[in-house]
Amino acid sequence: MNRKLKWFILGAVIAGTLDISYAILFSYFRSGVPPSRILQSVASGLLGRDSYSGGTKTAALGLGLHFLIAFILTAVYFLLARWLPILVRYPLISGVAFGIVAYAVMNKVVIPLSRVPPRATGPAMVVVITGILVHMFFIGVPIALACRRAQVAS
């Protein structure tokens, strides 16, 4: 396997795994939400409220969609790094910044344009803060480090 492709896949899988692990564990310990419900909430972006009555099938769809998003974010970073070498030179700072941008785009563009059912109230501050931190350190940084390794490996 091409070394760049290996690091691309590894970056996306690590970021996706860390992110969904956080979402499942945080929601379970904070509110007792079962993992399947978290995965169905991801699928609700495509299916709307129907995702919550789809059982294991919509939970599996949610997991697939979650990793698709992780791969898309990784692809965006890898493509940007071709034109902005600073993203490879300073992966920690760049990864943190990318995570913040990814959080903003997901929450201000992607989710509002999806079929996720609207909430009566906004998220609690602890959800916002941990969400930003997770995007910075569990998504942005692993993707940036994988991109750096892919560049070094070439």
N, C-alpha and C. Protein backbone atom coordinates (compact mmCIF):
# COMPACT_ATOMS: atom_id res chain seq x y z
N MET A 1 0.86 -1.19 0.00
CA MET A 1 0.00 0.00 0.00
C MET A 1 0.89 1.24 0.00
N ASN A 2 0.52 2.21 -0.77
CA ASN A 2 1.19 3.50 -0.81
C ASN A 2 1.28 4.07 0.60
N ARG A 3 2.45 4.58 0.97
CA ARG A 3 2.65 5.10 2.35
C ARG A 3 1.77 6.32 2.64
N LYS A 4 1.58 7.18 1.65
CA LYS A 4 0.70 8.34 1.86
C LYS A 4 -0.74 7.88 2.11
N LEU A 5 -1.18 6.90 1.34
CA LEU A 5 -2.53 6.36 1.52
C LEU A 5 -2.66 5.71 2.89
N LYS A 6 -1.64 5.01 3.31
CA LYS A 6 -1.66 4.38 4.63
C LYS A 6 -1.86 5.42 5.73
N TRP A 7 -1.11 6.51 5.67
CA TRP A 7 -1.23 7.55 6.69
C TRP A 7 -2.55 8.30 6.58
N PHE A 8 -3.05 8.46 5.36
CA PHE A 8 -4.37 9.08 5.16
C PHE A 8 -5.44 8.24 5.86
N ILE A 9 -5.45 6.95 5.58
CA ILE A 9 -6.45 6.05 6.18
C ILE A 9 -6.29 6.02 7.69
N LEU A 10 -5.06 5.91 8.16
CA LEU A 10 -4.82 5.85 9.60
C LEU A 10 -5.29 7.13 10.29
N GLY A 11 -5.01 8.27 9.70
CA GLY A 11 -5.46 9.54 10.28
C GLY A 11 -6.97 9.62 10.40
N ALA A 12 -7.67 9.23 9.33
CA ALA A 12 -9.13 9.27 9.34
C ALA A 12 -9.71 8.28 10.35
N VAL A 13 -9.15 7.08 10.40
CA VAL A 13 -9.67 6.06 11.31
C VAL A 13 -9.42 6.46 12.77
N ILE A 14 -8.23 6.99 13.06
CA ILE A 14 -7.95 7.43 14.44
C ILE A 14 -8.87 8.58 14.83
N ALA A 15 -8.97 9.59 13.98
CA ALA A 15 -9.84 10.73 14.29
C ALA A 15 -11.29 10.29 14.46
N GLY A 16 -11.78 9.46 13.55
CA GLY A 16 -13.15 8.98 13.63
C GLY A 16 -13.40 8.15 14.87
N THR A 17 -12.45 7.30 15.22
CA THR A 17 -12.60 6.43 16.40
C THR A 17 -12.57 7.24 17.69
N LEU A 18 -11.63 8.17 17.79
CA LEU A 18 -11.56 9.01 19.00
C LEU A 18 -12.83 9.84 19.16
N ASP A 19 -13.31 10.41 18.06
CA ASP A 19 -14.50 11.26 18.12
C ASP A 19 -15.75 10.48 18.52
N ILE A 20 -15.99 9.35 17.87
CA ILE A 20 -17.21 8.60 18.19
C ILE A 20 -17.12 7.98 19.58
N SER A 21 -15.91 7.60 19.99
CA SER A 21 -15.73 7.07 21.35
C SER A 21 -16.08 8.14 22.38
N TYR A 22 -15.59 9.36 22.15
CA TYR A 22 -15.94 10.46 23.05
C TYR A 22 -17.46 10.65 23.09
N ALA A 23 -18.08 10.73 21.92
CA ALA A 23 -19.53 11.00 21.86
C ALA A 23 -20.32 9.94 22.61
N ILE A 24 -19.96 8.69 22.41
CA ILE A 24 -20.67 7.59 23.06
C ILE A 24 -20.45 7.60 24.57
N LEU A 25 -19.20 7.72 24.98
CA LEU A 25 -18.89 7.69 26.42
C LEU A 25 -19.44 8.92 27.14
N PHE A 26 -19.26 10.09 26.56
CA PHE A 26 -19.74 11.32 27.18
C PHE A 26 -21.26 11.27 27.35
N SER A 27 -21.96 10.89 26.30
CA SER A 27 -23.43 10.86 26.36
C SER A 27 -23.94 9.79 27.32
N TYR A 28 -23.25 8.66 27.35
CA TYR A 28 -23.68 7.60 28.25
C TYR A 28 -23.48 8.01 29.72
N PHE A 29 -22.29 8.49 30.05
CA PHE A 29 -22.02 8.84 31.45
C PHE A 29 -22.70 10.13 31.88
N ARG A 30 -22.96 11.05 30.96
CA ARG A 30 -23.63 12.30 31.33
C ARG A 30 -25.14 12.12 31.44
N SER A 31 -25.73 11.35 30.49
CA SER A 31 -27.18 11.30 30.42
C SER A 31 -27.75 9.90 30.29
N GLY A 32 -26.92 8.87 30.28
CA GLY A 32 -27.42 7.50 30.14
C GLY A 32 -27.89 7.14 28.75
N VAL A 33 -27.46 7.91 27.74
CA VAL A 33 -27.87 7.66 26.36
C VAL A 33 -27.13 6.43 25.83
N PRO A 34 -27.85 5.43 25.31
CA PRO A 34 -27.17 4.24 24.79
C PRO A 34 -26.39 4.55 23.50
N PRO A 35 -25.32 3.80 23.26
CA PRO A 35 -24.50 4.04 22.06
C PRO A 35 -25.30 4.02 20.76
N SER A 36 -26.27 3.11 20.66
CA SER A 36 -27.05 3.03 19.42
C SER A 36 -27.77 4.35 19.13
N ARG A 37 -28.22 5.01 20.17
CA ARG A 37 -28.93 6.29 20.00
C ARG A 37 -27.99 7.38 19.46
N ILE A 38 -26.74 7.37 19.90
CA ILE A 38 -25.77 8.33 19.40
C ILE A 38 -25.53 8.09 17.90
N LEU A 39 -25.38 6.82 17.55
CA LEU A 39 -25.16 6.49 16.14
C LEU A 39 -26.39 6.83 15.30
N GLN A 40 -27.57 6.60 15.85
CA GLN A 40 -28.80 6.96 15.13
C GLN A 40 -28.91 8.48 14.98
N SER A 41 -28.38 9.22 15.94
CA SER A 41 -28.42 10.68 15.82
C SER A 41 -27.55 11.15 14.66
N VAL A 42 -26.45 10.44 14.40
CA VAL A 42 -25.64 10.76 13.22
C VAL A 42 -26.45 10.47 11.96
N ALA A 43 -27.11 9.34 11.92
CA ALA A 43 -27.93 8.97 10.76
C ALA A 43 -29.10 9.94 10.57
N SER A 44 -29.51 10.61 11.63
CA SER A 44 -30.63 11.55 11.50
C SER A 44 -30.29 12.72 10.59
N GLY A 45 -29.01 12.96 10.37
CA GLY A 45 -28.62 13.99 9.41
C GLY A 45 -29.09 13.66 8.00
N LEU A 46 -29.20 12.38 7.72
CA LEU A 46 -29.66 11.92 6.41
C LEU A 46 -31.14 11.54 6.43
N LEU A 47 -31.58 10.90 7.51
CA LEU A 47 -32.94 10.33 7.57
C LEU A 47 -33.94 11.14 8.39
N GLY A 48 -33.47 12.12 9.13
CA GLY A 48 -34.37 12.86 10.02
C GLY A 48 -34.81 11.99 11.18
N ARG A 49 -35.98 12.27 11.72
CA ARG A 49 -36.49 11.55 12.90
C ARG A 49 -36.63 10.04 12.68
N ASP A 50 -36.81 9.62 11.43
CA ASP A 50 -36.97 8.19 11.13
C ASP A 50 -35.76 7.36 11.57
N SER A 51 -34.61 8.00 11.70
CA SER A 51 -33.40 7.24 12.07
C SER A 51 -33.56 6.60 13.45
N TYR A 52 -34.34 7.22 14.33
CA TYR A 52 -34.47 6.72 15.70
C TYR A 52 -35.37 5.48 15.81
N SER A 53 -36.10 5.18 14.76
CA SER A 53 -36.94 3.98 14.79
C SER A 53 -36.39 2.87 13.90
N GLY A 54 -35.17 3.04 13.42
CA GLY A 54 -34.59 2.08 12.49
C GLY A 54 -33.73 1.02 13.12
N GLY A 55 -33.58 1.05 14.44
CA GLY A 55 -32.82 0.00 15.13
C GLY A 55 -31.36 -0.06 14.72
N THR A 56 -30.88 -1.30 14.64
CA THR A 56 -29.48 -1.55 14.35
C THR A 56 -29.08 -1.04 12.96
N LYS A 57 -30.00 -1.09 12.02
CA LYS A 57 -29.69 -0.65 10.66
C LYS A 57 -29.33 0.83 10.61
N THR A 58 -30.11 1.66 11.28
CA THR A 58 -29.80 3.09 11.24
C THR A 58 -28.60 3.42 12.13
N ALA A 59 -28.38 2.64 13.18
CA ALA A 59 -27.16 2.83 13.99
C ALA A 59 -25.93 2.52 13.14
N ALA A 60 -25.99 1.44 12.36
CA ALA A 60 -24.87 1.08 11.48
C ALA A 60 -24.68 2.16 10.41
N LEU A 61 -25.77 2.67 9.88
CA LEU A 61 -25.68 3.76 8.90
C LEU A 61 -25.00 4.97 9.53
N GLY A 62 -25.39 5.28 10.76
CA GLY A 62 -24.79 6.41 11.46
C GLY A 62 -23.29 6.23 11.65
N LEU A 63 -22.88 5.02 11.97
CA LEU A 63 -21.45 4.75 12.14
C LEU A 63 -20.73 4.92 10.79
N GLY A 64 -21.32 4.42 9.75
CA GLY A 64 -20.72 4.59 8.42
C GLY A 64 -20.63 6.05 8.01
N LEU A 65 -21.70 6.80 8.26
CA LEU A 65 -21.69 8.23 7.94
C LEU A 65 -20.65 8.98 8.76
N HIS A 66 -20.53 8.59 10.02
CA HIS A 66 -19.55 9.23 10.91
C HIS A 66 -18.14 9.06 10.32
N PHE A 67 -17.80 7.84 9.91
CA PHE A 67 -16.46 7.61 9.36
C PHE A 67 -16.31 8.25 7.97
N LEU A 68 -17.38 8.34 7.22
CA LEU A 68 -17.33 9.07 5.95
C LEU A 68 -16.93 10.53 6.21
N ILE A 69 -17.52 11.13 7.21
CA ILE A 69 -17.19 12.51 7.56
C ILE A 69 -15.72 12.61 7.99
N ALA A 70 -15.25 11.64 8.77
CA ALA A 70 -13.85 11.65 9.20
C ALA A 70 -12.92 11.56 7.98
N PHE A 71 -13.28 10.74 7.01
CA PHE A 71 -12.47 10.63 5.80
C PHE A 71 -12.52 11.91 4.97
N ILE A 72 -13.67 12.55 4.92
CA ILE A 72 -13.79 13.82 4.19
C ILE A 72 -12.93 14.90 4.86
N LEU A 73 -13.01 14.99 6.19
CA LEU A 73 -12.18 15.98 6.91
C LEU A 73 -10.70 15.71 6.67
N THR A 74 -10.31 14.46 6.68
CA THR A 74 -8.91 14.11 6.44
C THR A 74 -8.50 14.49 5.02
N ALA A 75 -9.36 14.22 4.06
CA ALA A 75 -9.07 14.58 2.67
C ALA A 75 -8.92 16.09 2.52
N VAL A 76 -9.79 16.85 3.17
CA VAL A 76 -9.70 18.31 3.10
C VAL A 76 -8.35 18.78 3.65
N TYR A 77 -7.95 18.24 4.80
CA TYR A 77 -6.67 18.66 5.39
C TYR A 77 -5.51 18.28 4.48
N PHE A 78 -5.50 17.05 3.98
CA PHE A 78 -4.41 16.60 3.11
C PHE A 78 -4.34 17.46 1.84
N LEU A 79 -5.49 17.83 1.28
CA LEU A 79 -5.49 18.68 0.09
C LEU A 79 -5.01 20.09 0.41
N LEU A 80 -5.48 20.64 1.51
CA LEU A 80 -5.03 21.98 1.91
C LEU A 80 -3.52 22.00 2.15
N ALA A 81 -3.00 20.92 2.71
CA ALA A 81 -1.57 20.86 3.02
C ALA A 81 -0.71 20.90 1.76
N ARG A 82 -1.26 20.51 0.64
CA ARG A 82 -0.51 20.59 -0.62
C ARG A 82 -0.24 22.03 -1.01
N TRP A 83 -1.15 22.94 -0.65
CA TRP A 83 -1.00 24.36 -1.01
C TRP A 83 -0.52 25.21 0.16
N LEU A 84 -0.65 24.69 1.36
CA LEU A 84 -0.21 25.43 2.55
C LEU A 84 0.77 24.57 3.35
N PRO A 85 2.05 24.60 3.00
CA PRO A 85 3.03 23.74 3.67
C PRO A 85 3.12 23.96 5.18
N ILE A 86 2.66 25.10 5.65
CA ILE A 86 2.68 25.38 7.10
C ILE A 86 1.85 24.34 7.86
N LEU A 87 0.85 23.76 7.19
CA LEU A 87 0.01 22.74 7.83
C LEU A 87 0.82 21.48 8.14
N VAL A 88 1.83 21.22 7.34
CA VAL A 88 2.70 20.06 7.56
C VAL A 88 3.83 20.43 8.53
N ARG A 89 4.34 21.65 8.39
CA ARG A 89 5.47 22.10 9.21
C ARG A 89 5.10 22.23 10.68
N TYR A 90 3.90 22.67 10.98
CA TYR A 90 3.44 22.88 12.36
C TYR A 90 2.15 22.11 12.61
N PRO A 91 2.22 20.80 12.70
CA PRO A 91 1.00 19.99 12.77
C PRO A 91 0.17 20.20 14.05
N LEU A 92 0.80 20.47 15.17
CA LEU A 92 0.02 20.63 16.40
C LEU A 92 -0.83 21.90 16.36
N ILE A 93 -0.21 23.01 16.02
CA ILE A 93 -0.95 24.27 15.94
C ILE A 93 -1.97 24.21 14.81
N SER A 94 -1.53 23.69 13.66
CA SER A 94 -2.43 23.61 12.51
C SER A 94 -3.59 22.66 12.78
N GLY A 95 -3.32 21.54 13.46
CA GLY A 95 -4.37 20.59 13.78
C GLY A 95 -5.40 21.17 14.72
N VAL A 96 -4.93 21.92 15.73
CA VAL A 96 -5.85 22.58 16.66
C VAL A 96 -6.73 23.57 15.90
N ALA A 97 -6.11 24.39 15.06
CA ALA A 97 -6.87 25.38 14.28
C ALA A 97 -7.87 24.69 13.34
N PHE A 98 -7.42 23.62 12.69
CA PHE A 98 -8.31 22.87 11.79
C PHE A 98 -9.49 22.29 12.56
N GLY A 99 -9.23 21.79 13.76
CA GLY A 99 -10.30 21.24 14.59
C GLY A 99 -11.35 22.28 14.94
N ILE A 100 -10.89 23.50 15.24
CA ILE A 100 -11.83 24.59 15.56
C ILE A 100 -12.68 24.92 14.34
N VAL A 101 -12.04 25.00 13.18
CA VAL A 101 -12.77 25.29 11.94
C VAL A 101 -13.74 24.15 11.63
N ALA A 102 -13.29 22.91 11.80
CA ALA A 102 -14.17 21.76 11.54
C ALA A 102 -15.39 21.80 12.46
N TYR A 103 -15.19 22.13 13.73
CA TYR A 103 -16.30 22.24 14.68
C TYR A 103 -17.30 23.30 14.19
N ALA A 104 -16.78 24.45 13.82
CA ALA A 104 -17.65 25.55 13.38
C ALA A 104 -18.43 25.16 12.12
N VAL A 105 -17.75 24.57 11.15
CA VAL A 105 -18.41 24.18 9.90
C VAL A 105 -19.47 23.11 10.16
N MET A 106 -19.14 22.12 10.98
CA MET A 106 -20.11 21.07 11.28
C MET A 106 -21.36 21.65 11.97
N ASN A 107 -21.16 22.53 12.93
CA ASN A 107 -22.27 23.02 13.74
C ASN A 107 -23.02 24.21 13.16
N LYS A 108 -22.36 24.97 12.29
CA LYS A 108 -23.00 26.15 11.73
C LYS A 108 -23.44 25.98 10.27
N VAL A 109 -22.90 24.93 9.60
CA VAL A 109 -23.24 24.73 8.20
C VAL A 109 -23.85 23.34 7.97
N VAL A 110 -23.08 22.29 8.27
CA VAL A 110 -23.49 20.93 7.93
C VAL A 110 -24.76 20.51 8.69
N ILE A 111 -24.75 20.62 10.00
CA ILE A 111 -25.92 20.19 10.78
C ILE A 111 -27.17 21.01 10.43
N PRO A 112 -27.08 22.35 10.34
CA PRO A 112 -28.28 23.09 9.95
C PRO A 112 -28.82 22.73 8.56
N LEU A 113 -27.94 22.33 7.65
CA LEU A 113 -28.39 21.95 6.31
C LEU A 113 -28.85 20.50 6.22
N SER A 114 -28.62 19.74 7.28
CA SER A 114 -29.00 18.33 7.28
C SER A 114 -30.45 18.17 7.75
N ARG A 115 -30.85 16.91 7.93
CA ARG A 115 -32.21 16.62 8.40
C ARG A 115 -32.25 16.35 9.91
N VAL A 116 -31.17 16.71 10.63
CA VAL A 116 -31.16 16.54 12.08
C VAL A 116 -32.36 17.31 12.64
N PRO A 117 -33.19 16.65 13.45
CA PRO A 117 -34.35 17.35 14.02
C PRO A 117 -33.90 18.54 14.88
N PRO A 118 -34.62 19.65 14.78
CA PRO A 118 -34.25 20.82 15.57
C PRO A 118 -34.43 20.56 17.06
N ARG A 119 -33.59 21.21 17.86
CA ARG A 119 -33.66 21.07 19.31
C ARG A 119 -34.42 22.27 19.89
N ALA A 120 -35.11 22.02 20.99
CA ALA A 120 -35.87 23.09 21.64
C ALA A 120 -34.92 24.13 22.24
N THR A 121 -33.79 23.66 22.76
CA THR A 121 -32.80 24.58 23.35
C THR A 121 -31.43 24.26 22.75
N GLY A 122 -30.53 25.20 22.88
CA GLY A 122 -29.16 24.98 22.42
C GLY A 122 -28.44 24.00 23.34
N PRO A 123 -27.28 23.54 22.92
CA PRO A 123 -26.54 22.58 23.74
C PRO A 123 -26.01 23.24 25.02
N ALA A 124 -25.86 22.43 26.05
CA ALA A 124 -25.29 22.92 27.31
C ALA A 124 -23.85 23.34 27.08
N MET A 125 -23.36 24.27 27.90
CA MET A 125 -22.00 24.78 27.74
C MET A 125 -20.96 23.67 27.82
N VAL A 126 -21.17 22.67 28.67
CA VAL A 126 -20.21 21.57 28.77
C VAL A 126 -20.14 20.79 27.46
N VAL A 127 -21.24 20.69 26.75
CA VAL A 127 -21.27 20.01 25.46
C VAL A 127 -20.50 20.81 24.42
N VAL A 128 -20.68 22.12 24.42
CA VAL A 128 -19.97 22.98 23.48
C VAL A 128 -18.47 22.95 23.74
N ILE A 129 -18.08 23.12 25.00
CA ILE A 129 -16.65 23.16 25.34
C ILE A 129 -15.97 21.84 25.03
N THR A 130 -16.57 20.73 25.46
CA THR A 130 -15.94 19.44 25.18
C THR A 130 -15.97 19.14 23.68
N GLY A 131 -17.01 19.57 23.00
CA GLY A 131 -17.07 19.37 21.55
C GLY A 131 -15.95 20.09 20.83
N ILE A 132 -15.68 21.32 21.22
CA ILE A 132 -14.57 22.08 20.61
C ILE A 132 -13.24 21.41 20.93
N LEU A 133 -13.04 21.02 22.19
CA LEU A 133 -11.78 20.36 22.58
C LEU A 133 -11.57 19.05 21.82
N VAL A 134 -12.64 18.27 21.68
CA VAL A 134 -12.54 17.01 20.94
C VAL A 134 -12.18 17.27 19.48
N HIS A 135 -12.80 18.27 18.87
CA HIS A 135 -12.46 18.58 17.48
C HIS A 135 -11.02 19.05 17.35
N MET A 136 -10.53 19.77 18.35
CA MET A 136 -9.15 20.24 18.31
C MET A 136 -8.15 19.09 18.46
N PHE A 137 -8.33 18.31 19.54
CA PHE A 137 -7.30 17.35 19.93
C PHE A 137 -7.56 15.90 19.51
N PHE A 138 -8.80 15.54 19.25
CA PHE A 138 -9.11 14.17 18.84
C PHE A 138 -9.34 14.05 17.34
N ILE A 139 -9.59 15.17 16.68
CA ILE A 139 -9.82 15.15 15.24
C ILE A 139 -8.71 15.91 14.51
N GLY A 140 -8.59 17.20 14.80
CA GLY A 140 -7.61 18.02 14.09
C GLY A 140 -6.17 17.57 14.24
N VAL A 141 -5.73 17.35 15.46
CA VAL A 141 -4.33 16.98 15.69
C VAL A 141 -3.99 15.61 15.09
N PRO A 142 -4.79 14.56 15.31
CA PRO A 142 -4.44 13.28 14.66
C PRO A 142 -4.38 13.36 13.14
N ILE A 143 -5.30 14.11 12.54
CA ILE A 143 -5.28 14.27 11.09
C ILE A 143 -4.02 15.01 10.66
N ALA A 144 -3.67 16.08 11.37
CA ALA A 144 -2.48 16.85 11.03
C ALA A 144 -1.20 16.02 11.19
N LEU A 145 -1.13 15.25 12.26
CA LEU A 145 0.05 14.40 12.48
C LEU A 145 0.15 13.31 11.41
N ALA A 146 -0.98 12.75 11.02
CA ALA A 146 -0.97 11.75 9.96
C ALA A 146 -0.52 12.37 8.64
N CYS A 147 -0.97 13.59 8.38
CA CYS A 147 -0.58 14.29 7.16
C CYS A 147 0.94 14.54 7.17
N ARG A 148 1.45 14.94 8.30
CA ARG A 148 2.91 15.15 8.40
C ARG A 148 3.65 13.85 8.14
N ARG A 149 3.19 12.77 8.75
CA ARG A 149 3.84 11.47 8.53
C ARG A 149 3.75 11.06 7.06
N ALA A 150 2.64 11.35 6.43
CA ALA A 150 2.48 11.03 5.01
C ALA A 150 3.49 11.81 4.17
N GLN A 151 3.73 13.05 4.52
CA GLN A 151 4.69 13.89 3.77
C GLN A 151 6.11 13.41 4.02
N VAL A 152 6.43 13.04 5.26
CA VAL A 152 7.76 12.55 5.61
C VAL A 152 8.00 11.21 4.95
N ALA A 153 6.95 10.39 4.86
CA ALA A 153 7.07 9.04 4.29
C ALA A 153 7.29 9.08 2.78
N SER A 154 6.92 10.19 2.13
CA SER A 154 7.02 10.20 0.66
C SER A 154 8.43 10.45 0.18
